Amino acid sequence: MQSFREIREGGYIYVDKTEIIHHVVETGKYYFLSRPRRFGKSLLVDTIEELFKGSKTLFEGLWIHNQWDWSKTNPVIHFNFAEIPYKEVGLEEALKIELTRNAGLVGVALEAKTLQGMFRELIERTAAGIGQVVLLIDEYDKPLIDFLHDTDQLEANRSVMKSFYSILKGRDGQIRLLFITGVSRFSRVSIFSDLNNLEDITIDRNFHSLVGITQAELETVFAEEIGSMESEYPDVIEQIRKWYNGYSWGEDKRLYNPFSLLNLMKGRAFMNYWFTTGTPTFLFEQLKQRKLGDMDGVEVSLNTLADFNTDRLNMASLLFQTGYLTIKELDGQLCTLGYPNQEVRQSLLDGLLNTYRESEITDSLSLVTALRRSLVAGDVERTVAALNGLIGEVPYDHWNADTESIFTIITVLVFKLAGVEVYTEVHSAKGRCDVLVKTDDYIYVIELKLDGTAQEALDQVIAKNYLQPYGADGRKKLAIGISFSSADRHVAEYLVKEV
């Protein structure tokens, strides 16, 4: 639910964020917050709206109830870009419709005909007649994100938005609060160049848990639900943490995605809920075009994460802003990114694997499960059979001499999804192997050849001593050479040698 009123009047659970909201509205004026989808941004914006409208009874029992001056109210202008018809009538016309709607809600008549003129008039007349305006803009980047594949339309929408926001400059006396949310942090120059006083609180320790659910909030607010699951899942807290916790924007404390957590409490089953909210086809296609696979452990600067530039897309930044990667470690200005949790890891790897395979069958998990069992058992024959099942559906036009790296990526993604410890391009004294896999009982070094021979691949593993660094390890060590056939589109042959 995204309606604060519906939650409160309906007797539903509300995780009390009003203390931190109070800190936001009392210590600043112009804010921008980026968070992934389904993270509670719209509910936050709706809560702020009810606060400034003076809906006192909705806040009874919450922290802010006795801390707020309910005798003072402010007119609220609220834009939700997810709800305006920019695809049907164009962004400029859609914004004019939304301006007219907001004018009607606050009882203001608009005479201007241009977009800038209407927005300026709405703010000026509302402030003059009622009081300082609270301006709430939710999902501001939707008209941009939806057209990442269409450069011309994206640039047209960006131009409209830049013009739209430009009238906010110099209106301090008319604005009580400006709060903008979205998924992406588009370059300030491209959208908000005139708003030089806009404070980006995306990576700010003071506002880290403004949306999302902390561990303490989980165990306190959902104690009854967790208790009811303990008979079926004795380690329920640890399982919840493993599946759904892990988001961070620079703070040591980790957060849960509310959407996934609430679905768990409702369904009482550990499943991948977040991925079902939307398949980011553009993101997967971009990764594939750049021949990128597993992005776990990538290092970037904070400046990179803060700038989403469509002219030169940085995939680490895109994955971070869309919630597929989060900050695992922060060393000064350098971030190490990784998957927040099992749910997101599975979402990205499965989606990316299916994009590389271009298979009509979009669920790879059954074949991956079979592969995991064979790896754990040391059954190379069944491992290769499962690999064939996943690679055999790759379209014919992918099988050409310059795509050996594609099949290395697919193989690594398969092993990653299988939940085993896997590394790629592992360096040794004499070179680097294609794939290194570790299970509790086995260490596999796998060399892949496209239209070569399995013997060539195996000889390379042996000649370059890829397994030498693990000589003292007690696990059984297997060298595997695999040859893919572009003519038959499957594993032509493989050879195994215990080292």
Foldseek 3Di string as FASTA:
>chain_A
DQALVCCQVVVHDDLFLVVLVCVVLPVDAFEEAFAAPLFRPSNLLNVVQCVQQLVLVSCPPGPCNVVDDSVHHAQEQEAEPVPFPCVVPHDQVSLVVSLVVSCVVLVHDADDDGLQRSLLRSLVVRCVPPRAYAYEYEAVCVQQLVCLVPVVSNLVVLVSQQSNQLSVAPVVRRHSHYYYYHLAQADCVSHVVRPPVHYYCHQPPSCWVSTFAFLVSCCPRCVVLQVVLCVVPVPSSVVCQQAFWAAGSNDPTIGGSVQQVVVCSVPVDRDQDPLVVDQSPVLLVVCVVVLHAAPAFDKDFQVLLNHQYSVDGDSVNVCDSNQLWHFPDDDPGMTTIHGRHDSSLLSRLLSNLCVLQVAPPSGLLVLLLQLLVCVQVVNVVSNQVSLQVSFQSRDLVCQDDVNQSSSLNSVQSSLVNNVWDKDAQPDDPQGGFGMWTDDPAEIEGEHEEEPDDQVVRQVVCVVRVNVVVCVVPPHWYKYKGWYAYSVNRGTPDMDIDTD
